[in-house]
């Protein structure tokens, strides 16, 4: 459970750093992600034992696909925000955690008790409350975001069950391939790479890497069917808290209901 908490803290740190970046004006975020994946990849290779330099083909292919999903997930998320708004996109992205949960239960025989099921349903209700259906303009982008986000998360569970167990090597492949894909997107789009954006991305690289490292370690002791909703709920809960305390967002009555649902969900998932 400690590793999952650390993963949540890393994810919330990333979200707040990105919020700070976005407040400085309209700039392309791809150079930020380039620096992010570059540093995450370098640190991952540096931490990789020499025996993991020869990854099995399955780990290699899954790592490259996951790296592609990382970038694709970001791109679809950005497009969905433009088309359907932020709250609806965030809600759908969190609801997509049901994909790895279903995968874990059906294919990998993870077990859910009545409390866990109630916690997942309560969490889904909270994510749905966060979404503003008035912002819906294109259902196709939301379905794409739901599928890509869910499959990106599910890839980590697939590795835990079917991979070689060489986590350090797998993580290194994820971030290095994401770096290559991001660089390719920048070159194809002929986007400038401001040094300030690249440096900012480098700062993101460390918490981004460890959010994945800690989550994979957390799956060693917590079933995926519990870990995914638990992390999703905790991230949203702490994100709302940081909105209030750091970014001085004004709380509304709806936020109180959302908070209550998220806390109830967390309690049920831990029973």
C-alpha atoms as a PDB file:
ATOM      1  CA  UNK A   1       0.000   0.000   0.000  1.00  0.00           C
ATOM      2  CA  UNK A   2       2.942   2.350   0.707  1.00  0.00           C
ATOM      3  CA  UNK A   3       4.145   2.059  -2.896  1.00  0.00           C
ATOM      4  CA  UNK A   4       0.691   2.977  -4.210  1.00  0.00           C
ATOM      5  CA  UNK A   5       0.632   6.044  -1.946  1.00  0.00           C
ATOM      6  CA  UNK A   6       4.049   7.097  -3.275  1.00  0.00           C
ATOM      7  CA  UNK A   7       2.788   6.595  -6.843  1.00  0.00           C
ATOM      8  CA  UNK A   8      -0.212   8.826  -6.079  1.00  0.00           C
ATOM      9  CA  UNK A   9       2.015  11.560  -4.606  1.00  0.00           C
ATOM     10  CA  UNK A  10       4.246  11.475  -7.706  1.00  0.00           C
ATOM     11  CA  UNK A  11       1.210  11.729 -10.005  1.00  0.00           C
ATOM     12  CA  UNK A  12      -0.259  14.675  -8.089  1.00  0.00           C
ATOM     13  CA  UNK A  13       3.146  16.396  -8.117  1.00  0.00           C
ATOM     14  CA  UNK A  14       3.251  16.032 -11.913  1.00  0.00           C
ATOM     15  CA  UNK A  15      -0.279  17.436 -12.258  1.00  0.00           C
ATOM     16  CA  UNK A  16       0.574  20.510 -10.181  1.00  0.00           C
ATOM     17  CA  UNK A  17       3.820  21.133 -12.069  1.00  0.00           C
ATOM     18  CA  UNK A  18       1.912  20.945 -15.365  1.00  0.00           C
ATOM     19  CA  UNK A  19      -0.684  23.344 -13.956  1.00  0.00           C
ATOM     20  CA  UNK A  20       2.102  25.814 -13.225  1.00  0.00           C
ATOM     21  CA  UNK A  21       3.471  25.411 -16.760  1.00  0.00           C
ATOM     22  CA  UNK A  22       0.058  25.957 -18.354  1.00  0.00           C
ATOM     23  CA  UNK A  23      -0.484  29.136 -16.319  1.00  0.00           C
ATOM     24  CA  UNK A  24       2.470  30.763 -18.050  1.00  0.00           C
ATOM     25  CA  UNK A  25       0.616  31.078 -21.340  1.00  0.00           C
ATOM     26  CA  UNK A  26      -0.321  29.052 -24.377  1.00  0.00           C
ATOM     27  CA  UNK A  27       2.723  26.973 -25.311  1.00  0.00           C
ATOM     28  CA  UNK A  28       3.203  23.582 -26.935  1.00  0.00           C
ATOM     29  CA  UNK A  29       3.595  20.922 -24.273  1.00  0.00           C
ATOM     30  CA  UNK A  30       5.368  18.379 -26.496  1.00  0.00           C
ATOM     31  CA  UNK A  31       8.841  19.848 -25.739  1.00  0.00           C
ATOM     32  CA  UNK A  32       8.023  19.451 -22.032  1.00  0.00           C
ATOM     33  CA  UNK A  33       7.210  15.805 -22.569  1.00  0.00           C
ATOM     34  CA  UNK A  34      10.383  15.396 -24.620  1.00  0.00           C
ATOM     35  CA  UNK A  35      12.493  16.507 -21.648  1.00  0.00           C
ATOM     36  CA  UNK A  36      10.303  14.468 -19.334  1.00  0.00           C
ATOM     37  CA  UNK A  37      10.762  11.204 -21.236  1.00  0.00           C
ATOM     38  CA  UNK A  38      14.450  11.912 -21.852  1.00  0.00           C
ATOM     39  CA  UNK A  39      15.253  12.210 -18.136  1.00  0.00           C
ATOM     40  CA  UNK A  40      12.922   9.343 -17.181  1.00  0.00           C
ATOM     41  CA  UNK A  41      14.616   7.162 -19.802  1.00  0.00           C
ATOM     42  CA  UNK A  42      18.149   8.098 -18.702  1.00  0.00           C
ATOM     43  CA  UNK A  43      17.373   7.430 -15.028  1.00  0.00           C
ATOM     44  CA  UNK A  44      15.667   4.156 -15.933  1.00  0.00           C
ATOM     45  CA  UNK A  45      18.655   2.898 -17.922  1.00  0.00           C
ATOM     46  CA  UNK A  46      21.030   4.017 -15.157  1.00  0.00           C
ATOM     47  CA  UNK A  47      19.016   2.028 -12.586  1.00  0.00           C
ATOM     48  CA  UNK A  48      18.774  -1.063 -14.790  1.00  0.00           C
ATOM     49  CA  UNK A  49      20.906  -4.086 -13.770  1.00  0.00           C
ATOM     50  CA  UNK A  50      23.256  -5.244 -16.536  1.00  0.00           C
ATOM     51  CA  UNK A  51      21.498  -8.610 -16.722  1.00  0.00           C
ATOM     52  CA  UNK A  52      18.342  -6.861 -17.926  1.00  0.00           C
ATOM     53  CA  UNK A  53      20.017  -5.420 -21.018  1.00  0.00           C
ATOM     54  CA  UNK A  54      18.790  -8.503 -22.877  1.00  0.00           C
ATOM     55  CA  UNK A  55      15.028  -8.221 -22.483  1.00  0.00           C
ATOM     56  CA  UNK A  56      12.773 -10.982 -23.833  1.00  0.00           C
ATOM     57  CA  UNK A  57      10.958 -10.094 -27.059  1.00  0.00           C
ATOM     58  CA  UNK A  58       7.571  -9.939 -25.279  1.00  0.00           C
ATOM     59  CA  UNK A  59       8.839  -7.350 -22.766  1.00  0.00           C
ATOM     60  CA  UNK A  60      10.475  -5.340 -25.539  1.00  0.00           C
ATOM     61  CA  UNK A  61       7.377  -5.229 -27.761  1.00  0.00           C
ATOM     62  CA  UNK A  62       5.020  -4.501 -24.839  1.00  0.00           C
ATOM     63  CA  UNK A  63       7.359  -1.745 -23.589  1.00  0.00           C
ATOM     64  CA  UNK A  64       7.446  -0.063 -27.011  1.00  0.00           C
ATOM     65  CA  UNK A  65       3.657  -0.319 -27.352  1.00  0.00           C
ATOM     66  CA  UNK A  66       3.201   1.113 -23.855  1.00  0.00           C
ATOM     67  CA  UNK A  67       5.538   4.004 -24.712  1.00  0.00           C
ATOM     68  CA  UNK A  68       3.423   4.697 -27.801  1.00  0.00           C
ATOM     69  CA  UNK A  69       0.274   4.546 -25.651  1.00  0.00           C
ATOM     70  CA  UNK A  70       1.810   7.095 -23.237  1.00  0.00           C
ATOM     71  CA  UNK A  71       2.138   9.639 -26.051  1.00  0.00           C
ATOM     72  CA  UNK A  72      -1.147   8.696 -27.759  1.00  0.00           C
ATOM     73  CA  UNK A  73      -2.985   8.996 -24.452  1.00  0.00           C
ATOM     74  CA  UNK A  74      -1.596  12.489 -23.976  1.00  0.00           C
ATOM     75  CA  UNK A  75      -2.518  13.543 -27.520  1.00  0.00           C
ATOM     76  CA  UNK A  76      -6.094  12.214 -27.353  1.00  0.00           C
ATOM     77  CA  UNK A  77      -6.500  13.783 -23.891  1.00  0.00           C
ATOM     78  CA  UNK A  78      -5.361  17.179 -25.184  1.00  0.00           C
ATOM     79  CA  UNK A  79      -7.698  16.986 -28.204  1.00  0.00           C
ATOM     80  CA  UNK A  80     -10.619  15.917 -26.026  1.00  0.00           C
ATOM     81  CA  UNK A  81     -10.062  18.881 -23.697  1.00  0.00           C
ATOM     82  CA  UNK A  82     -10.245  21.248 -26.679  1.00  0.00           C
ATOM     83  CA  UNK A  83     -13.369  19.571 -28.095  1.00  0.00           C
ATOM     84  CA  UNK A  84     -15.254  18.406 -24.993  1.00  0.00           C
ATOM     85  CA  UNK A  85     -13.832  20.492 -22.133  1.00  0.00           C
ATOM     86  CA  UNK A  86     -11.579  19.713 -19.166  1.00  0.00           C
ATOM     87  CA  UNK A  87     -14.027  18.322 -16.594  1.00  0.00           C
ATOM     88  CA  UNK A  88     -15.622  15.825 -18.980  1.00  0.00           C
ATOM     89  CA  UNK A  89     -12.233  14.658 -20.269  1.00  0.00           C
ATOM     90  CA  UNK A  90     -10.801  14.208 -16.755  1.00  0.00           C
ATOM     91  CA  UNK A  91     -13.913  12.305 -15.667  1.00  0.00           C
ATOM     92  CA  UNK A  92     -13.734   9.926 -18.643  1.00  0.00           C
ATOM     93  CA  UNK A  93     -10.002   9.417 -18.125  1.00  0.00           C
ATOM     94  CA  UNK A  94     -10.577   8.351 -14.513  1.00  0.00           C
ATOM     95  CA  UNK A  95     -13.577   6.166 -15.371  1.00  0.00           C
ATOM     96  CA  UNK A  96     -11.344   4.281 -17.837  1.00  0.00           C
ATOM     97  CA  UNK A  97      -9.725   2.546 -14.846  1.00  0.00           C
ATOM     98  CA  UNK A  98     -12.586   0.067 -15.176  1.00  0.00           C
ATOM     99  CA  UNK A  99     -10.775  -1.458 -18.205  1.00  0.00           C
ATOM    100  CA  UNK A 100      -7.735  -2.795 -16.280  1.00  0.00           C
ATOM    101  CA  UNK A 101     -10.035  -3.803 -13.404  1.00  0.00           C
ATOM    102  CA  UNK A 102     -12.199  -5.928 -15.725  1.00  0.00           C
ATOM    103  CA  UNK A 103      -9.052  -7.340 -17.352  1.00  0.00           C
ATOM    104  CA  UNK A 104      -7.627  -8.309 -13.960  1.00  0.00           C
ATOM    105  CA  UNK A 105     -10.849  -9.987 -12.800  1.00  0.00           C
ATOM    106  CA  UNK A 106     -11.706 -11.867 -16.008  1.00  0.00           C
ATOM    107  CA  UNK A 107      -8.290 -12.901 -17.322  1.00  0.00           C
ATOM    108  CA  UNK A 108      -6.051 -12.938 -14.251  1.00  0.00           C
ATOM    109  CA  UNK A 109      -8.552 -14.137 -11.620  1.00  0.00           C
ATOM    110  CA  UNK A 110      -8.242 -11.146  -9.281  1.00  0.00           C
ATOM    111  CA  UNK A 111     -10.945 -11.260  -6.607  1.00  0.00           C
ATOM    112  CA  UNK A 112     -13.359  -8.532  -5.564  1.00  0.00           C
ATOM    113  CA  UNK A 113     -15.416  -8.596  -2.370  1.00  0.00           C
ATOM    114  CA  UNK A 114     -18.679  -6.728  -1.863  1.00  0.00           C
ATOM    115  CA  UNK A 115     -16.932  -3.753  -0.225  1.00  0.00           C
ATOM    116  CA  UNK A 116     -14.481  -3.440  -3.134  1.00  0.00           C
ATOM    117  CA  UNK A 117     -17.291  -3.541  -5.695  1.00  0.00           C
ATOM    118  CA  UNK A 118     -19.192  -0.880  -3.738  1.00  0.00           C
ATOM    119  CA  UNK A 119     -16.010   1.221  -3.544  1.00  0.00           C
ATOM    120  CA  UNK A 120     -15.448   0.996  -7.305  1.00  0.00           C
ATOM    121  CA  UNK A 121     -19.072   1.932  -8.044  1.00  0.00           C
ATOM    122  CA  UNK A 122     -18.860   4.878  -5.621  1.00  0.00           C
ATOM    123  CA  UNK A 123     -15.614   6.011  -7.241  1.00  0.00           C
ATOM    124  CA  UNK A 124     -17.151   5.795 -10.719  1.00  0.00           C
ATOM    125  CA  UNK A 125     -20.102   7.852  -9.471  1.00  0.00           C
ATOM    126  CA  UNK A 126     -17.668  10.498  -8.195  1.00  0.00           C
ATOM    127  CA  UNK A 127     -15.824  10.608 -11.530  1.00  0.00           C
ATOM    128  CA  UNK A 128     -19.160  10.932 -13.312  1.00  0.00           C
ATOM    129  CA  UNK A 129     -20.124  13.815 -11.012  1.00  0.00           C
ATOM    130  CA  UNK A 130     -16.867  15.576 -11.934  1.00  0.00           C
ATOM    131  CA  UNK A 131     -17.815  15.444 -15.618  1.00  0.00           C
ATOM    132  CA  UNK A 132     -19.995  18.183 -17.074  1.00  0.00           C
ATOM    133  CA  UNK A 133     -22.199  16.637 -19.775  1.00  0.00           C
ATOM    134  CA  UNK A 134     -23.015  20.104 -21.133  1.00  0.00           C
ATOM    135  CA  UNK A 135     -19.465  20.160 -22.507  1.00  0.00           C
ATOM    136  CA  UNK A 136     -20.075  17.081 -24.683  1.00  0.00           C
ATOM    137  CA  UNK A 137     -19.531  17.912 -28.361  1.00  0.00           C
ATOM    138  CA  UNK A 138     -17.931  14.807 -29.853  1.00  0.00           C
ATOM    139  CA  UNK A 139     -18.534  11.353 -28.378  1.00  0.00           C
ATOM    140  CA  UNK A 140     -15.881   9.721 -30.581  1.00  0.00           C
ATOM    141  CA  UNK A 141     -13.038  11.579 -28.865  1.00  0.00           C
ATOM    142  CA  UNK A 142     -14.357  10.577 -25.441  1.00  0.00           C
ATOM    143  CA  UNK A 143     -14.598   6.923 -26.485  1.00  0.00           C
ATOM    144  CA  UNK A 144     -11.059   7.139 -27.845  1.00  0.00           C
ATOM    145  CA  UNK A 145      -9.823   8.685 -24.599  1.00  0.00           C
ATOM    146  CA  UNK A 146     -11.610   6.005 -22.564  1.00  0.00           C
ATOM    147  CA  UNK A 147     -10.061   3.183 -24.617  1.00  0.00           C
ATOM    148  CA  UNK A 148      -6.520   4.568 -24.848  1.00  0.00           C
ATOM    149  CA  UNK A 149      -6.339   5.553 -21.149  1.00  0.00           C
ATOM    150  CA  UNK A 150      -7.664   2.176 -20.048  1.00  0.00           C
ATOM    151  CA  UNK A 151      -5.293   0.220 -22.294  1.00  0.00           C
ATOM    152  CA  UNK A 152      -2.319   2.332 -21.182  1.00  0.00           C
ATOM    153  CA  UNK A 153      -3.032   1.438 -17.555  1.00  0.00           C
ATOM    154  CA  UNK A 154      -3.804  -2.193 -18.410  1.00  0.00           C
ATOM    155  CA  UNK A 155      -0.398  -2.664 -20.059  1.00  0.00           C
ATOM    156  CA  UNK A 156       1.295  -2.515 -16.637  1.00  0.00           C
ATOM    157  CA  UNK A 157      -0.905  -5.320 -15.305  1.00  0.00           C
ATOM    158  CA  UNK A 158      -0.251  -7.381 -18.444  1.00  0.00           C
ATOM    159  CA  UNK A 159       3.488  -7.055 -17.854  1.00  0.00           C
ATOM    160  CA  UNK A 160       3.137  -8.085 -14.200  1.00  0.00           C
ATOM    161  CA  UNK A 161       1.274 -11.234 -15.214  1.00  0.00           C
ATOM    162  CA  UNK A 162       2.910 -12.233 -18.503  1.00  0.00           C
ATOM    163  CA  UNK A 163       6.268 -10.439 -18.546  1.00  0.00           C
ATOM    164  CA  UNK A 164       9.663 -11.677 -17.386  1.00  0.00           C
ATOM    165  CA  UNK A 165       9.634  -9.655 -14.164  1.00  0.00           C
ATOM    166  CA  UNK A 166      12.543  -7.472 -15.355  1.00  0.00           C
ATOM    167  CA  UNK A 167      10.776  -4.285 -14.291  1.00  0.00           C
ATOM    168  CA  UNK A 168      13.746  -1.923 -14.581  1.00  0.00           C
ATOM    169  CA  UNK A 169      14.359  -2.929 -18.196  1.00  0.00           C
ATOM    170  CA  UNK A 170      10.672  -2.731 -19.061  1.00  0.00           C
ATOM    171  CA  UNK A 171      10.359   0.776 -17.596  1.00  0.00           C
ATOM    172  CA  UNK A 172      13.490   1.891 -19.465  1.00  0.00           C
ATOM    173  CA  UNK A 173      11.969   0.705 -22.753  1.00  0.00           C
ATOM    174  CA  UNK A 174       8.666   2.499 -22.009  1.00  0.00           C
ATOM    175  CA  UNK A 175      10.254   5.904 -21.445  1.00  0.00           C
ATOM    176  CA  UNK A 176      12.933   5.652 -24.126  1.00  0.00           C
ATOM    177  CA  UNK A 177      10.366   4.644 -26.760  1.00  0.00           C
ATOM    178  CA  UNK A 178       8.023   7.423 -25.569  1.00  0.00           C
ATOM    179  CA  UNK A 179      10.961   9.822 -26.019  1.00  0.00           C
ATOM    180  CA  UNK A 180      11.536   8.616 -29.597  1.00  0.00           C
ATOM    181  CA  UNK A 181       7.823   8.881 -30.452  1.00  0.00           C
ATOM    182  CA  UNK A 182       7.626  12.383 -28.930  1.00  0.00           C
ATOM    183  CA  UNK A 183      10.725  13.524 -30.813  1.00  0.00           C
ATOM    184  CA  UNK A 184       9.211  12.139 -34.024  1.00  0.00           C
ATOM    185  CA  UNK A 185       5.970  14.061 -33.409  1.00  0.00           C
ATOM    186  CA  UNK A 186       7.917  17.290 -32.804  1.00  0.00           C
ATOM    187  CA  UNK A 187       9.986  16.842 -35.965  1.00  0.00           C
ATOM    188  CA  UNK A 188       6.943  15.984 -38.082  1.00  0.00           C
ATOM    189  CA  UNK A 189       5.098  19.015 -36.733  1.00  0.00           C
ATOM    190  CA  UNK A 190       8.219  21.176 -37.110  1.00  0.00           C
ATOM    191  CA  UNK A 191       7.685  22.489 -33.606  1.00  0.00           C
ATOM    192  CA  UNK A 192      10.321  24.641 -31.876  1.00  0.00           C
ATOM    193  CA  UNK A 193      11.936  23.247 -28.730  1.00  0.00           C
ATOM    194  CA  UNK A 194      12.323  26.131 -26.240  1.00  0.00           C
ATOM    195  CA  UNK A 195      15.101  25.478 -23.738  1.00  0.00           C
ATOM    196  CA  UNK A 196      12.861  26.541 -20.828  1.00  0.00           C
ATOM    197  CA  UNK A 197      10.215  23.959 -21.812  1.00  0.00           C
ATOM    198  CA  UNK A 198      12.849  21.251 -22.189  1.00  0.00           C
ATOM    199  CA  UNK A 199      14.329  22.010 -18.746  1.00  0.00           C
ATOM    200  CA  UNK A 200      10.876  22.077 -17.181  1.00  0.00           C
ATOM    201  CA  UNK A 201      10.202  18.674 -18.744  1.00  0.00           C
ATOM    202  CA  UNK A 202      13.431  17.351 -17.259  1.00  0.00           C
ATOM    203  CA  UNK A 203      12.089  18.261 -13.798  1.00  0.00           C
ATOM    204  CA  UNK A 204       8.954  16.245 -14.533  1.00  0.00           C
ATOM    205  CA  UNK A 205      10.965  13.216 -15.590  1.00  0.00           C
ATOM    206  CA  UNK A 206      11.895  12.036 -12.107  1.00  0.00           C
ATOM    207  CA  UNK A 207       8.397  11.970 -10.507  1.00  0.00           C
ATOM    208  CA  UNK A 208       6.981  10.601 -13.770  1.00  0.00           C
ATOM    209  CA  UNK A 209       9.387   7.675 -13.730  1.00  0.00           C
ATOM    210  CA  UNK A 210       8.792   6.910 -10.075  1.00  0.00           C
ATOM    211  CA  UNK A 211       5.011   7.053 -10.395  1.00  0.00           C
ATOM    212  CA  UNK A 212       5.320   4.050 -12.741  1.00  0.00           C
ATOM    213  CA  UNK A 213       8.037   2.333 -10.680  1.00  0.00           C
ATOM    214  CA  UNK A 214       6.054   2.613  -7.435  1.00  0.00           C
ATOM    215  CA  UNK A 215       2.806   1.507  -9.070  1.00  0.00           C
ATOM    216  CA  UNK A 216       4.420  -1.645 -10.475  1.00  0.00           C
ATOM    217  CA  UNK A 217       5.885  -2.409  -7.052  1.00  0.00           C
ATOM    218  CA  UNK A 218       2.481  -1.775  -5.478  1.00  0.00           C
ATOM    219  CA  UNK A 219       0.951  -4.444  -7.725  1.00  0.00           C
ATOM    220  CA  UNK A 220       3.176  -6.998  -5.966  1.00  0.00           C
ATOM    221  CA  UNK A 221       1.122  -6.690  -2.780  1.00  0.00           C
ATOM    222  CA  UNK A 222      -2.230  -5.203  -3.848  1.00  0.00           C
ATOM    223  CA  UNK A 223      -4.505  -6.868  -6.458  1.00  0.00           C
ATOM    224  CA  UNK A 224      -4.853  -4.821  -9.640  1.00  0.00           C
ATOM    225  CA  UNK A 225      -8.643  -4.833  -9.261  1.00  0.00           C
ATOM    226  CA  UNK A 226      -8.141  -2.809  -6.050  1.00  0.00           C
ATOM    227  CA  UNK A 227      -4.966  -0.895  -6.949  1.00  0.00           C
ATOM    228  CA  UNK A 228      -6.319   0.842 -10.073  1.00  0.00           C
ATOM    229  CA  UNK A 229      -9.493   2.314  -8.521  1.00  0.00           C
ATOM    230  CA  UNK A 230      -7.658   3.085  -5.275  1.00  0.00           C
ATOM    231  CA  UNK A 231      -4.987   5.102  -7.081  1.00  0.00           C
ATOM    232  CA  UNK A 232      -7.519   6.829  -9.373  1.00  0.00           C
ATOM    233  CA  UNK A 233      -9.687   7.912  -6.426  1.00  0.00           C
ATOM    234  CA  UNK A 234      -6.710   9.046  -4.332  1.00  0.00           C
ATOM    235  CA  UNK A 235      -5.259  11.094  -7.214  1.00  0.00           C
ATOM    236  CA  UNK A 236      -8.556  12.892  -7.765  1.00  0.00           C
ATOM    237  CA  UNK A 237      -8.995  13.493  -4.026  1.00  0.00           C
ATOM    238  CA  UNK A 238      -5.524  15.023  -3.639  1.00  0.00           C
ATOM    239  CA  UNK A 239      -5.906  16.962  -6.896  1.00  0.00           C
ATOM    240  CA  UNK A 240      -9.054  18.634  -5.560  1.00  0.00           C
ATOM    241  CA  UNK A 241      -7.228  19.390  -2.303  1.00  0.00           C
ATOM    242  CA  UNK A 242      -4.303  20.964  -4.171  1.00  0.00           C
ATOM    243  CA  UNK A 243      -6.767  23.004  -6.270  1.00  0.00           C
ATOM    244  CA  UNK A 244      -8.163  24.476  -3.056  1.00  0.00           C
ATOM    245  CA  UNK A 245      -4.915  24.963  -1.108  1.00  0.00           C
ATOM    246  CA  UNK A 246      -2.375  25.757  -3.838  1.00  0.00           C
ATOM    247  CA  UNK A 247      -4.377  27.241  -6.700  1.00  0.00           C
ATOM    248  CA  UNK A 248      -7.029  28.888  -4.467  1.00  0.00           C
ATOM    249  CA  UNK A 249      -9.964  27.451  -6.385  1.00  0.00           C
ATOM    250  CA  UNK A 250     -13.327  28.276  -4.808  1.00  0.00           C
ATOM    251  CA  UNK A 251     -15.157  25.207  -3.499  1.00  0.00           C
ATOM    252  CA  UNK A 252     -18.792  24.648  -4.480  1.00  0.00           C
ATOM    253  CA  UNK A 253     -21.552  22.532  -2.962  1.00  0.00           C
ATOM    254  CA  UNK A 254     -20.964  19.973  -5.711  1.00  0.00           C
ATOM    255  CA  UNK A 255     -17.330  19.661  -4.572  1.00  0.00           C
ATOM    256  CA  UNK A 256     -18.458  18.651  -1.075  1.00  0.00           C
ATOM    257  CA  UNK A 257     -20.546  15.800  -2.530  1.00  0.00           C
ATOM    258  CA  UNK A 258     -17.603  14.771  -4.709  1.00  0.00           C
ATOM    259  CA  UNK A 259     -15.283  14.757  -1.697  1.00  0.00           C
ATOM    260  CA  UNK A 260     -17.718  12.651   0.323  1.00  0.00           C
ATOM    261  CA  UNK A 261     -18.052  10.077  -2.484  1.00  0.00           C
ATOM    262  CA  UNK A 262     -14.276   9.862  -2.953  1.00  0.00           C
ATOM    263  CA  UNK A 263     -13.632   9.393   0.776  1.00  0.00           C
ATOM    264  CA  UNK A 264     -16.358   6.731   1.024  1.00  0.00           C
ATOM    265  CA  UNK A 265     -14.845   5.002  -2.011  1.00  0.00           C
ATOM    266  CA  UNK A 266     -11.372   4.998  -0.426  1.00  0.00           C
ATOM    267  CA  UNK A 267     -12.731   3.553   2.827  1.00  0.00           C
ATOM    268  CA  UNK A 268     -14.661   0.789   1.037  1.00  0.00           C
ATOM    269  CA  UNK A 269     -11.655  -0.141  -1.118  1.00  0.00           C
ATOM    270  CA  UNK A 270      -9.562  -0.615   2.023  1.00  0.00           C
ATOM    271  CA  UNK A 271     -12.052  -2.892   3.812  1.00  0.00           C
END
